[in-house]
Amino acid sequence: MATQKRFYLLDGNVTASQVQRYLPSGAVVVVKTTETHTATSVEYDDVQVPDLADLDAAMAVFGYVPGPSSTVTVRLLSDLPAPVAGVITLEAATAYEIEGIIDLAGNVLVLQDGTTIAGRSPATDQIVSHQPAAVLQLNAAPASDAVVVVRSIQVVNGAGPCLDLQGDAFAFFESVGLAGPVVPTVLPGGTAGRVSGLKRFAFADSVLQQIAGGFTIEGDCTDLLFSRVQVYDDMDPAFTFIQSLAPATVKTLQISDCNIRFNDAGDVAFDLDEAIATAADAVGVMGNLFSGPGSALAAGAGKASPTSPMPPWFFRNNFGLADTP
């Protein structure tokens, strides 16, 4: 018996026991679902399940996107593909399991369709960079429906963005830390990064810390989710967690159950133009907690607020921000 691992991105709320019932009998060693119940990893016996199509067919009942079919353990930079002009292009349909701190030494990682990056814990497993270019990059081609998954890892950039995600893609981030410099006493120069034109982006059960800037939403995005994100210890007096300005658009945007701690009066949680939701189905800002001297929303003409035109704007149960009438 050889135990293999395969990742799936799910559509809907499921549990490990539900997944188990649909898999081939005797084939599965371990099933793990994320806290957000939108992704799962299956460890299976490749003797009893010689054809991955058997697993894929069993998962189809949930509405799924198959994940990687091969796994690479990364303990050293040399375990990754060789860089070309500072770019390390990760393989498609491959899971990279990070163990320890991987310093990219001036390189960046480019993700492909089906690339997964997974650590054991953000506290122990990190990808570190100190350069203006984004650490993790994705530029999905039109109509490609690329899928990437990043889990249980910390991404550190002391000089530029942690992420730059663009194109026709589904990107899922869970239990991820995004951070600025390694040395806490140094003024941070890093940012969370850019999300541009994605079909679906989820950033859940994650942390932003010691970082100069948050996320910038650009282009025409479909479904965006920020849920249960902790934002704290920023050292920049003009920090913004999420910024989306026209002409960017969204179909759905959910920002929920986040905890944002301000350090400076110039800090802003959300800088959102009303116009980004012109053609939206719904935009919800719900259950978030704000503390410290900053502002929950950027103010001014054309900025979203609880009194923005309805539908689709919806503000509810935020601590430090009024409900939609």
C-alpha atoms as a PDB file:
ATOM      1  CA  MET A   1       0.000   0.000   0.000  1.00  0.00           C
ATOM      2  CA  ALA A   2       1.197   3.521  -0.833  1.00  0.00           C
ATOM      3  CA  THR A   3      -0.635   6.383   0.797  1.00  0.00           C
ATOM      4  CA  GLN A   4      -1.259   9.334  -1.481  1.00  0.00           C
ATOM      5  CA  LYS A   5      -2.952  12.693  -0.879  1.00  0.00           C
ATOM      6  CA  ARG A   6      -5.406  14.597  -3.031  1.00  0.00           C
ATOM      7  CA  PHE A   7      -7.012  17.993  -2.389  1.00  0.00           C
ATOM      8  CA  TYR A   8     -10.519  19.070  -3.370  1.00  0.00           C
ATOM      9  CA  LEU A   9     -12.142  22.491  -3.382  1.00  0.00           C
ATOM     10  CA  LEU A  10     -15.779  21.995  -2.406  1.00  0.00           C
ATOM     11  CA  ASP A  11     -18.919  23.955  -3.152  1.00  0.00           C
ATOM     12  CA  GLY A  12     -21.102  23.892  -0.058  1.00  0.00           C
ATOM     13  CA  ASN A  13     -20.937  23.107   3.649  1.00  0.00           C
ATOM     14  CA  VAL A  14     -19.870  19.528   4.274  1.00  0.00           C
ATOM     15  CA  THR A  15     -18.232  17.578   7.069  1.00  0.00           C
ATOM     16  CA  ALA A  16     -15.533  14.923   7.026  1.00  0.00           C
ATOM     17  CA  SER A  17     -18.092  12.214   7.834  1.00  0.00           C
ATOM     18  CA  GLN A  18     -20.248  13.251   4.879  1.00  0.00           C
ATOM     19  CA  VAL A  19     -17.267  13.070   2.547  1.00  0.00           C
ATOM     20  CA  GLN A  20     -16.269   9.669   3.945  1.00  0.00           C
ATOM     21  CA  ARG A  21     -19.628   8.104   3.071  1.00  0.00           C
ATOM     22  CA  TYR A  22     -19.193   8.821  -0.635  1.00  0.00           C
ATOM     23  CA  LEU A  23     -15.637   7.538  -1.019  1.00  0.00           C
ATOM     24  CA  PRO A  24     -14.689   4.001  -2.198  1.00  0.00           C
ATOM     25  CA  SER A  25     -14.942   1.490   0.632  1.00  0.00           C
ATOM     26  CA  GLY A  26     -11.646   0.703   2.361  1.00  0.00           C
ATOM     27  CA  ALA A  27      -9.710   3.152   0.242  1.00  0.00           C
ATOM     28  CA  VAL A  28      -9.449   6.169   2.492  1.00  0.00           C
ATOM     29  CA  VAL A  29      -6.911   6.555   5.259  1.00  0.00           C
ATOM     30  CA  VAL A  30      -7.667  10.123   6.396  1.00  0.00           C
ATOM     31  CA  VAL A  31     -10.192  12.794   5.460  1.00  0.00           C
ATOM     32  CA  LYS A  32      -9.667  16.377   6.629  1.00  0.00           C
ATOM     33  CA  THR A  33     -11.940  19.349   6.018  1.00  0.00           C
ATOM     34  CA  THR A  34     -10.971  22.950   6.647  1.00  0.00           C
ATOM     35  CA  GLU A  35     -12.615  25.115   9.285  1.00  0.00           C
ATOM     36  CA  THR A  36     -14.611  26.846   6.585  1.00  0.00           C
ATOM     37  CA  HIS A  37     -15.795  23.507   5.137  1.00  0.00           C
ATOM     38  CA  THR A  38     -14.992  24.526   1.589  1.00  0.00           C
ATOM     39  CA  ALA A  39     -11.913  22.387   0.993  1.00  0.00           C
ATOM     40  CA  THR A  40     -10.805  18.901   1.965  1.00  0.00           C
ATOM     41  CA  SER A  41      -7.780  16.671   1.658  1.00  0.00           C
ATOM     42  CA  VAL A  42      -8.137  12.915   1.203  1.00  0.00           C
ATOM     43  CA  GLU A  43      -5.330  10.465   1.943  1.00  0.00           C
ATOM     44  CA  TYR A  44      -6.017   7.200   0.162  1.00  0.00           C
ATOM     45  CA  ASP A  45      -4.585   3.771  -0.645  1.00  0.00           C
ATOM     46  CA  ASP A  46      -3.460   3.932  -4.268  1.00  0.00           C
ATOM     47  CA  VAL A  47      -3.632   0.128  -4.572  1.00  0.00           C
ATOM     48  CA  GLN A  48      -7.355   0.095  -3.814  1.00  0.00           C
ATOM     49  CA  VAL A  49      -7.916   3.303  -5.755  1.00  0.00           C
ATOM     50  CA  PRO A  50      -5.545   3.026  -8.719  1.00  0.00           C
ATOM     51  CA  ASP A  51      -7.515   5.526 -10.786  1.00  0.00           C
ATOM     52  CA  LEU A  52      -8.039   9.062  -9.461  1.00  0.00           C
ATOM     53  CA  ALA A  53     -11.209   9.231 -11.529  1.00  0.00           C
ATOM     54  CA  ASP A  54     -12.792   6.958  -8.905  1.00  0.00           C
ATOM     55  CA  LEU A  55     -12.171   9.526  -6.198  1.00  0.00           C
ATOM     56  CA  ASP A  56     -13.230  12.419  -8.408  1.00  0.00           C
ATOM     57  CA  ALA A  57     -16.489  10.676  -9.285  1.00  0.00           C
ATOM     58  CA  ALA A  58     -17.232  10.056  -5.603  1.00  0.00           C
ATOM     59  CA  MET A  59     -16.625  13.728  -4.768  1.00  0.00           C
ATOM     60  CA  ALA A  60     -18.808  15.008  -7.602  1.00  0.00           C
ATOM     61  CA  VAL A  61     -21.914  14.892  -5.394  1.00  0.00           C
ATOM     62  CA  PHE A  62     -20.582  17.898  -3.448  1.00  0.00           C
ATOM     63  CA  GLY A  63     -19.723  20.027  -6.471  1.00  0.00           C
ATOM     64  CA  TYR A  64     -15.940  20.003  -6.461  1.00  0.00           C
ATOM     65  CA  VAL A  65     -12.812  21.047  -8.287  1.00  0.00           C
ATOM     66  CA  PRO A  66     -10.093  18.358  -8.237  1.00  0.00           C
ATOM     67  CA  GLY A  67      -6.905  19.424  -6.553  1.00  0.00           C
ATOM     68  CA  PRO A  68      -3.317  18.300  -6.868  1.00  0.00           C
ATOM     69  CA  SER A  69      -2.450  14.717  -7.771  1.00  0.00           C
ATOM     70  CA  SER A  70       1.182  14.790  -6.631  1.00  0.00           C
ATOM     71  CA  THR A  71       2.949  16.055  -3.504  1.00  0.00           C
ATOM     72  CA  VAL A  72       6.397  17.627  -2.979  1.00  0.00           C
ATOM     73  CA  THR A  73       7.840  18.101   0.516  1.00  0.00           C
ATOM     74  CA  VAL A  74       9.767  21.376   0.775  1.00  0.00           C
ATOM     75  CA  ARG A  75      12.391  21.724   3.509  1.00  0.00           C
ATOM     76  CA  LEU A  76      14.958  23.679   1.473  1.00  0.00           C
ATOM     77  CA  LEU A  77      14.761  26.223  -1.339  1.00  0.00           C
ATOM     78  CA  SER A  78      16.357  23.607  -3.597  1.00  0.00           C
ATOM     79  CA  ASP A  79      13.290  21.366  -3.146  1.00  0.00           C
ATOM     80  CA  LEU A  80      11.338  23.827  -5.316  1.00  0.00           C
ATOM     81  CA  PRO A  81      11.711  24.031  -9.104  1.00  0.00           C
ATOM     82  CA  ALA A  82      14.835  25.866 -10.230  1.00  0.00           C
ATOM     83  CA  PRO A  83      14.384  29.637 -10.575  1.00  0.00           C
ATOM     84  CA  VAL A  84      14.589  31.312 -13.961  1.00  0.00           C
ATOM     85  CA  ALA A  85      15.441  35.031 -13.826  1.00  0.00           C
ATOM     86  CA  GLY A  86      14.149  35.201 -10.247  1.00  0.00           C
ATOM     87  CA  VAL A  87      10.910  33.324 -10.948  1.00  0.00           C
ATOM     88  CA  ILE A  88      10.132  29.892  -9.512  1.00  0.00           C
ATOM     89  CA  THR A  89       7.206  28.450 -11.466  1.00  0.00           C
ATOM     90  CA  LEU A  90       5.419  25.826  -9.397  1.00  0.00           C
ATOM     91  CA  GLU A  91       3.988  22.783 -11.136  1.00  0.00           C
ATOM     92  CA  ALA A  92       0.302  22.510 -11.991  1.00  0.00           C
ATOM     93  CA  ALA A  93      -1.775  19.896 -10.128  1.00  0.00           C
ATOM     94  CA  THR A  94       0.889  19.640  -7.428  1.00  0.00           C
ATOM     95  CA  ALA A  95       0.821  20.155  -3.669  1.00  0.00           C
ATOM     96  CA  TYR A  96       3.885  21.674  -2.025  1.00  0.00           C
ATOM     97  CA  GLU A  97       4.051  20.831   1.682  1.00  0.00           C
ATOM     98  CA  ILE A  98       6.218  23.411   3.458  1.00  0.00           C
ATOM     99  CA  GLU A  99       8.208  22.287   6.509  1.00  0.00           C
ATOM    100  CA  GLY A 100      10.150  25.065   8.206  1.00  0.00           C
ATOM    101  CA  ILE A 101      11.173  28.534   7.017  1.00  0.00           C
ATOM    102  CA  ILE A 102      11.872  28.815   3.285  1.00  0.00           C
ATOM    103  CA  ASP A 103      13.758  31.988   2.343  1.00  0.00           C
ATOM    104  CA  LEU A 104      13.203  32.649  -1.358  1.00  0.00           C
ATOM    105  CA  ALA A 105      16.497  34.571  -1.639  1.00  0.00           C
ATOM    106  CA  GLY A 106      15.197  37.143  -4.107  1.00  0.00           C
ATOM    107  CA  ASN A 107      12.891  34.809  -6.033  1.00  0.00           C
ATOM    108  CA  VAL A 108       9.094  34.779  -6.342  1.00  0.00           C
ATOM    109  CA  LEU A 109       6.679  31.848  -6.586  1.00  0.00           C
ATOM    110  CA  VAL A 110       4.277  31.658  -9.535  1.00  0.00           C
ATOM    111  CA  LEU A 111       1.272  29.365  -9.009  1.00  0.00           C
ATOM    112  CA  GLN A 112      -0.366  27.324 -11.755  1.00  0.00           C
ATOM    113  CA  ASP A 113      -3.766  25.641 -12.101  1.00  0.00           C
ATOM    114  CA  GLY A 114      -4.061  23.068  -9.313  1.00  0.00           C
ATOM    115  CA  THR A 115      -1.101  24.322  -7.277  1.00  0.00           C
ATOM    116  CA  THR A 116      -1.509  23.904  -3.525  1.00  0.00           C
ATOM    117  CA  ILE A 117       0.852  25.305  -0.898  1.00  0.00           C
ATOM    118  CA  ALA A 118       0.268  23.831   2.558  1.00  0.00           C
ATOM    119  CA  GLY A 119       2.161  24.010   5.819  1.00  0.00           C
ATOM    120  CA  ARG A 120       1.588  22.291   9.134  1.00  0.00           C
ATOM    121  CA  SER A 121       1.101  25.584  10.995  1.00  0.00           C
ATOM    122  CA  PRO A 122       1.692  29.287  10.207  1.00  0.00           C
ATOM    123  CA  ALA A 123       3.685  29.439  13.451  1.00  0.00           C
ATOM    124  CA  THR A 124       6.357  27.051  12.179  1.00  0.00           C
ATOM    125  CA  ASP A 125       6.117  26.982   8.382  1.00  0.00           C
ATOM    126  CA  GLN A 126       6.873  30.171   6.449  1.00  0.00           C
ATOM    127  CA  ILE A 127       7.765  31.525   3.027  1.00  0.00           C
ATOM    128  CA  VAL A 128       9.961  34.597   3.444  1.00  0.00           C
ATOM    129  CA  SER A 129      10.964  37.328   1.011  1.00  0.00           C
ATOM    130  CA  HIS A 130      12.388  40.861   1.117  1.00  0.00           C
ATOM    131  CA  GLN A 131      11.728  42.407  -2.292  1.00  0.00           C
ATOM    132  CA  PRO A 132       9.275  44.741  -4.066  1.00  0.00           C
ATOM    133  CA  ALA A 133       7.698  41.914  -6.103  1.00  0.00           C
ATOM    134  CA  ALA A 134       4.863  39.827  -4.656  1.00  0.00           C
ATOM    135  CA  VAL A 135       5.897  36.570  -2.973  1.00  0.00           C
ATOM    136  CA  LEU A 136       3.015  34.439  -4.346  1.00  0.00           C
ATOM    137  CA  GLN A 137       1.790  35.287  -7.845  1.00  0.00           C
ATOM    138  CA  LEU A 138      -0.981  33.999 -10.078  1.00  0.00           C
ATOM    139  CA  ASN A 139      -1.880  35.258 -13.546  1.00  0.00           C
ATOM    140  CA  ALA A 140      -4.607  32.960 -14.853  1.00  0.00           C
ATOM    141  CA  ALA A 141      -5.458  33.040 -18.544  1.00  0.00           C
ATOM    142  CA  PRO A 142      -8.992  33.941 -19.727  1.00  0.00           C
ATOM    143  CA  ALA A 143     -11.450  31.024 -19.494  1.00  0.00           C
ATOM    144  CA  SER A 144      -8.875  28.906 -17.656  1.00  0.00           C
ATOM    145  CA  ASP A 145     -10.825  28.495 -14.380  1.00  0.00           C
ATOM    146  CA  ALA A 146      -7.526  27.965 -12.579  1.00  0.00           C
ATOM    147  CA  VAL A 147      -7.685  26.767  -8.966  1.00  0.00           C
ATOM    148  CA  VAL A 148      -5.086  27.459  -6.266  1.00  0.00           C
ATOM    149  CA  VAL A 149      -5.178  26.608  -2.565  1.00  0.00           C
ATOM    150  CA  VAL A 150      -2.897  28.011   0.164  1.00  0.00           C
ATOM    151  CA  ARG A 151      -3.287  26.692   3.711  1.00  0.00           C
ATOM    152  CA  SER A 152      -1.602  26.707   7.125  1.00  0.00           C
ATOM    153  CA  ILE A 153       1.374  28.835   6.097  1.00  0.00           C
ATOM    154  CA  GLN A 154       2.797  32.270   6.851  1.00  0.00           C
ATOM    155  CA  VAL A 155       3.929  34.513   3.993  1.00  0.00           C
ATOM    156  CA  VAL A 156       6.348  37.297   4.936  1.00  0.00           C
ATOM    157  CA  ASN A 157       7.514  40.182   2.760  1.00  0.00           C
ATOM    158  CA  GLY A 158       9.344  43.099   4.323  1.00  0.00           C
ATOM    159  CA  ALA A 159       9.463  45.196   1.152  1.00  0.00           C
ATOM    160  CA  GLY A 160       6.441  44.486  -1.054  1.00  0.00           C
ATOM    161  CA  PRO A 161       3.157  42.553  -1.443  1.00  0.00           C
ATOM    162  CA  CYS A 162       2.657  39.071  -0.113  1.00  0.00           C
ATOM    163  CA  LEU A 163       0.136  38.220  -2.872  1.00  0.00           C
ATOM    164  CA  ASP A 164      -0.592  39.252  -6.455  1.00  0.00           C
ATOM    165  CA  LEU A 165      -3.532  37.220  -7.774  1.00  0.00           C
ATOM    166  CA  GLN A 166      -4.982  37.989 -11.195  1.00  0.00           C
ATOM    167  CA  GLY A 167      -7.181  36.441 -13.849  1.00  0.00           C
ATOM    168  CA  ASP A 168      -9.827  33.783 -14.344  1.00  0.00           C
ATOM    169  CA  ALA A 169      -9.204  31.846 -11.154  1.00  0.00           C
ATOM    170  CA  PHE A 170     -10.551  30.394  -7.920  1.00  0.00           C
ATOM    171  CA  ALA A 171      -8.162  31.127  -5.035  1.00  0.00           C
ATOM    172  CA  PHE A 172      -8.713  29.745  -1.543  1.00  0.00           C
ATOM    173  CA  PHE A 173      -6.617  30.849   1.464  1.00  0.00           C
ATOM    174  CA  GLU A 174      -7.244  29.303   4.882  1.00  0.00           C
ATOM    175  CA  SER A 175      -5.266  29.569   8.144  1.00  0.00           C
ATOM    176  CA  VAL A 176      -2.743  31.846   6.462  1.00  0.00           C
ATOM    177  CA  GLY A 177      -0.622  34.558   8.044  1.00  0.00           C
ATOM    178  CA  LEU A 178       0.473  37.584   6.002  1.00  0.00           C
ATOM    179  CA  ALA A 179       3.196  39.644   7.633  1.00  0.00           C
ATOM    180  CA  GLY A 180       5.686  42.441   7.123  1.00  0.00           C
ATOM    181  CA  PRO A 181       9.305  42.367   8.296  1.00  0.00           C
ATOM    182  CA  VAL A 182      10.816  39.549  10.267  1.00  0.00           C
ATOM    183  CA  VAL A 183      12.348  42.000  12.771  1.00  0.00           C
ATOM    184  CA  PRO A 184       9.455  43.555  14.749  1.00  0.00           C
ATOM    185  CA  THR A 185      11.275  46.829  15.450  1.00  0.00           C
ATOM    186  CA  VAL A 186      11.636  47.656  11.763  1.00  0.00           C
ATOM    187  CA  LEU A 187       8.899  49.772  10.170  1.00  0.00           C
ATOM    188  CA  PRO A 188       6.970  47.349   7.906  1.00  0.00           C
ATOM    189  CA  GLY A 189       7.069  47.803   4.160  1.00  0.00           C
ATOM    190  CA  GLY A 190       4.994  44.805   3.107  1.00  0.00           C
ATOM    191  CA  THR A 191       1.315  44.629   2.129  1.00  0.00           C
ATOM    192  CA  ALA A 192      -1.251  41.848   1.830  1.00  0.00           C
ATOM    193  CA  GLY A 193      -1.424  42.452  -1.919  1.00  0.00           C
ATOM    194  CA  ARG A 194      -3.723  42.563  -4.921  1.00  0.00           C
ATOM    195  CA  VAL A 195      -6.807  40.591  -5.962  1.00  0.00           C
ATOM    196  CA  SER A 196      -7.716  41.412  -9.565  1.00  0.00           C
ATOM    197  CA  GLY A 197     -10.496  39.960 -11.704  1.00  0.00           C
ATOM    198  CA  LEU A 198     -10.832  36.671  -9.808  1.00  0.00           C
ATOM    199  CA  LYS A 199     -13.919  34.496 -10.135  1.00  0.00           C
ATOM    200  CA  ARG A 200     -13.742  33.451  -6.505  1.00  0.00           C
ATOM    201  CA  PHE A 201     -11.427  34.483  -3.699  1.00  0.00           C
ATOM    202  CA  ALA A 202     -11.735  33.302  -0.099  1.00  0.00           C
ATOM    203  CA  PHE A 203      -9.463  34.459   2.713  1.00  0.00           C
ATOM    204  CA  ALA A 204     -10.626  32.817   5.932  1.00  0.00           C
ATOM    205  CA  ASP A 205      -9.474  32.007   9.467  1.00  0.00           C
ATOM    206  CA  SER A 206      -6.316  34.002   8.831  1.00  0.00           C
ATOM    207  CA  VAL A 207      -4.160  36.825  10.220  1.00  0.00           C
ATOM    208  CA  LEU A 208      -2.608  40.082   9.004  1.00  0.00           C
ATOM    209  CA  GLN A 209       0.060  41.369  11.357  1.00  0.00           C
ATOM    210  CA  GLN A 210       2.900  43.863  11.447  1.00  0.00           C
ATOM    211  CA  ILE A 211       2.132  44.930   7.905  1.00  0.00           C
ATOM    212  CA  ALA A 212       1.918  48.305   6.190  1.00  0.00           C
ATOM    213  CA  GLY A 213      -1.108  47.692   3.943  1.00  0.00           C
ATOM    214  CA  GLY A 214      -3.965  45.297   3.346  1.00  0.00           C
ATOM    215  CA  PHE A 215      -5.754  44.015   0.228  1.00  0.00           C
ATOM    216  CA  THR A 216      -6.453  45.985  -2.934  1.00  0.00           C
ATOM    217  CA  ILE A 217      -9.361  44.738  -5.068  1.00  0.00           C
ATOM    218  CA  GLU A 218      -9.124  45.577  -8.763  1.00  0.00           C
ATOM    219  CA  GLY A 219     -10.789  44.600 -12.041  1.00  0.00           C
ATOM    220  CA  ASP A 220     -14.113  42.782 -12.418  1.00  0.00           C
ATOM    221  CA  CYS A 221     -14.350  40.219  -9.627  1.00  0.00           C
ATOM    222  CA  THR A 222     -17.157  37.738  -9.099  1.00  0.00           C
ATOM    223  CA  ASP A 223     -17.277  36.291  -5.555  1.00  0.00           C
ATOM    224  CA  LEU A 224     -15.026  37.587  -2.771  1.00  0.00           C
ATOM    225  CA  LEU A 225     -15.046  36.407   0.851  1.00  0.00           C
ATOM    226  CA  PHE A 226     -13.081  37.678   3.850  1.00  0.00           C
ATOM    227  CA  SER A 227     -14.135  35.783   6.967  1.00  0.00           C
ATOM    228  CA  ARG A 228     -12.753  35.476  10.492  1.00  0.00           C
ATOM    229  CA  VAL A 229      -9.612  37.490   9.761  1.00  0.00           C
ATOM    230  CA  GLN A 230      -7.563  38.962  12.610  1.00  0.00           C
ATOM    231  CA  VAL A 231      -5.873  42.276  11.746  1.00  0.00           C
ATOM    232  CA  TYR A 232      -3.492  43.735  14.309  1.00  0.00           C
ATOM    233  CA  ASP A 233      -0.061  45.180  15.135  1.00  0.00           C
ATOM    234  CA  ASP A 234       0.211  47.231  11.977  1.00  0.00           C
ATOM    235  CA  MET A 235       2.851  49.946  12.299  1.00  0.00           C
ATOM    236  CA  ASP A 236       1.795  52.207   9.460  1.00  0.00           C
ATOM    237  CA  PRO A 237      -0.267  55.344  10.263  1.00  0.00           C
ATOM    238  CA  ALA A 238      -2.356  54.997   7.063  1.00  0.00           C
ATOM    239  CA  PHE A 239      -3.182  51.288   7.096  1.00  0.00           C
ATOM    240  CA  THR A 240      -6.272  50.043   5.169  1.00  0.00           C
ATOM    241  CA  PHE A 241      -7.411  46.427   5.480  1.00  0.00           C
ATOM    242  CA  ILE A 242      -9.535  46.198   2.295  1.00  0.00           C
ATOM    243  CA  GLN A 243      -9.667  48.802  -0.458  1.00  0.00           C
ATOM    244  CA  SER A 244     -11.833  48.569  -3.572  1.00  0.00           C
ATOM    245  CA  LEU A 245     -12.243  51.664  -5.721  1.00  0.00           C
ATOM    246  CA  ALA A 246     -14.155  52.190  -8.964  1.00  0.00           C
ATOM    247  CA  PRO A 247     -13.823  51.128 -11.751  1.00  0.00           C
ATOM    248  CA  ALA A 248     -13.390  47.808  -9.922  1.00  0.00           C
ATOM    249  CA  THR A 249     -16.606  45.756  -9.613  1.00  0.00           C
ATOM    250  CA  VAL A 250     -17.862  42.767  -7.634  1.00  0.00           C
ATOM    251  CA  LYS A 251     -20.860  40.448  -7.983  1.00  0.00           C
ATOM    252  CA  THR A 252     -20.796  39.398  -4.331  1.00  0.00           C
ATOM    253  CA  LEU A 253     -18.576  40.619  -1.516  1.00  0.00           C
ATOM    254  CA  GLN A 254     -18.785  39.302   2.032  1.00  0.00           C
ATOM    255  CA  ILE A 255     -16.678  40.686   4.873  1.00  0.00           C
ATOM    256  CA  SER A 256     -17.706  38.948   8.073  1.00  0.00           C
ATOM    257  CA  ASP A 257     -16.602  38.195  11.627  1.00  0.00           C
ATOM    258  CA  CYS A 258     -13.254  39.969  11.305  1.00  0.00           C
ATOM    259  CA  ASN A 259     -11.422  41.551  14.236  1.00  0.00           C
ATOM    260  CA  ILE A 260      -9.607  44.754  13.251  1.00  0.00           C
ATOM    261  CA  ARG A 261      -7.454  46.520  15.834  1.00  0.00           C
ATOM    262  CA  PHE A 262      -6.368  50.053  14.914  1.00  0.00           C
ATOM    263  CA  ASN A 263      -3.128  51.571  16.148  1.00  0.00           C
ATOM    264  CA  ASP A 264      -3.500  55.026  14.622  1.00  0.00           C
ATOM    265  CA  ALA A 265      -6.285  57.502  13.887  1.00  0.00           C
ATOM    266  CA  GLY A 266      -5.432  57.302  10.178  1.00  0.00           C
ATOM    267  CA  ASP A 267      -6.108  53.548   9.986  1.00  0.00           C
ATOM    268  CA  VAL A 268      -9.192  52.404   8.016  1.00  0.00           C
ATOM    269  CA  ALA A 269     -10.779  48.983   7.927  1.00  0.00           C
ATOM    270  CA  PHE A 270     -12.670  49.250   4.612  1.00  0.00           C
ATOM    271  CA  ASP A 271     -12.274  51.808   1.819  1.00  0.00           C
ATOM    272  CA  LEU A 272     -15.093  50.837  -0.564  1.00  0.00           C
ATOM    273  CA  ASP A 273     -16.651  52.876  -3.339  1.00  0.00           C
ATOM    274  CA  GLU A 274     -20.415  52.525  -3.716  1.00  0.00           C
ATOM    275  CA  ALA A 275     -19.888  52.111  -7.465  1.00  0.00           C
ATOM    276  CA  ILE A 276     -18.058  48.783  -7.141  1.00  0.00           C
ATOM    277  CA  ALA A 277     -21.432  47.164  -6.420  1.00  0.00           C
ATOM    278  CA  THR A 278     -23.385  48.718  -9.298  1.00  0.00           C
ATOM    279  CA  ALA A 279     -24.097  45.279 -10.800  1.00  0.00           C
ATOM    280  CA  ALA A 280     -23.655  43.251  -7.606  1.00  0.00           C
ATOM    281  CA  ASP A 281     -26.041  40.624  -6.297  1.00  0.00           C
ATOM    282  CA  ALA A 282     -25.106  41.410  -2.697  1.00  0.00           C
ATOM    283  CA  VAL A 283     -22.450  43.125  -0.623  1.00  0.00           C
ATOM    284  CA  GLY A 284     -22.448  42.257   3.068  1.00  0.00           C
ATOM    285  CA  VAL A 285     -20.364  43.705   5.920  1.00  0.00           C
ATOM    286  CA  MET A 286     -21.454  41.713   8.957  1.00  0.00           C
ATOM    287  CA  GLY A 287     -20.354  40.845  12.464  1.00  0.00           C
ATOM    288  CA  ASN A 288     -17.018  42.663  12.399  1.00  0.00           C
ATOM    289  CA  LEU A 289     -15.312  44.092  15.477  1.00  0.00           C
ATOM    290  CA  PHE A 290     -13.344  47.349  15.392  1.00  0.00           C
ATOM    291  CA  SER A 291     -11.179  48.646  18.215  1.00  0.00           C
ATOM    292  CA  GLY A 292      -8.681  51.468  18.627  1.00  0.00           C
ATOM    293  CA  PRO A 293      -8.522  55.006  17.209  1.00  0.00           C
ATOM    294  CA  GLY A 294      -9.067  54.285  13.473  1.00  0.00           C
ATOM    295  CA  SER A 295     -12.192  54.270  11.273  1.00  0.00           C
ATOM    296  CA  ALA A 296     -14.348  51.342  10.217  1.00  0.00           C
ATOM    297  CA  LEU A 297     -15.154  52.945   6.837  1.00  0.00           C
ATOM    298  CA  ALA A 298     -13.483  55.512   4.633  1.00  0.00           C
ATOM    299  CA  ALA A 299     -15.753  58.560   4.469  1.00  0.00           C
ATOM    300  CA  GLY A 300     -16.591  60.958   1.682  1.00  0.00           C
ATOM    301  CA  ALA A 301     -18.590  61.311  -1.504  1.00  0.00           C
ATOM    302  CA  GLY A 302     -19.258  58.010  -3.229  1.00  0.00           C
ATOM    303  CA  LYS A 303     -18.005  55.881  -0.345  1.00  0.00           C
ATOM    304  CA  ALA A 304     -20.003  52.901   0.892  1.00  0.00           C
ATOM    305  CA  SER A 305     -21.829  53.289   4.182  1.00  0.00           C
ATOM    306  CA  PRO A 306     -24.829  51.781   6.008  1.00  0.00           C
ATOM    307  CA  THR A 307     -27.009  54.288   4.132  1.00  0.00           C
ATOM    308  CA  SER A 308     -25.711  53.286   0.675  1.00  0.00           C
ATOM    309  CA  PRO A 309     -28.453  52.508  -1.867  1.00  0.00           C
ATOM    310  CA  MET A 310     -30.183  49.177  -1.258  1.00  0.00           C
ATOM    311  CA  PRO A 311     -29.836  46.638  -2.666  1.00  0.00           C
ATOM    312  CA  PRO A 312     -27.139  45.431  -2.627  1.00  0.00           C
ATOM    313  CA  TRP A 313     -25.302  47.004   0.346  1.00  0.00           C
ATOM    314  CA  PHE A 314     -25.985  45.387   3.702  1.00  0.00           C
ATOM    315  CA  PHE A 315     -24.357  46.281   7.042  1.00  0.00           C
ATOM    316  CA  ARG A 316     -25.396  44.283  10.100  1.00  0.00           C
ATOM    317  CA  ASN A 317     -24.179  43.426  13.615  1.00  0.00           C
ATOM    318  CA  ASN A 318     -20.838  45.200  13.347  1.00  0.00           C
ATOM    319  CA  PHE A 319     -19.365  46.497  16.612  1.00  0.00           C
ATOM    320  CA  GLY A 320     -18.473  50.125  15.944  1.00  0.00           C
ATOM    321  CA  LEU A 321     -20.525  50.518  12.764  1.00  0.00           C
ATOM    322  CA  ALA A 322     -24.250  51.228  12.379  1.00  0.00           C
ATOM    323  CA  ASP A 323     -26.667  48.765  10.786  1.00  0.00           C
ATOM    324  CA  THR A 324     -28.305  49.350   7.435  1.00  0.00           C
ATOM    325  CA  PRO A 325     -31.715  50.950   8.097  1.00  0.00           C
END
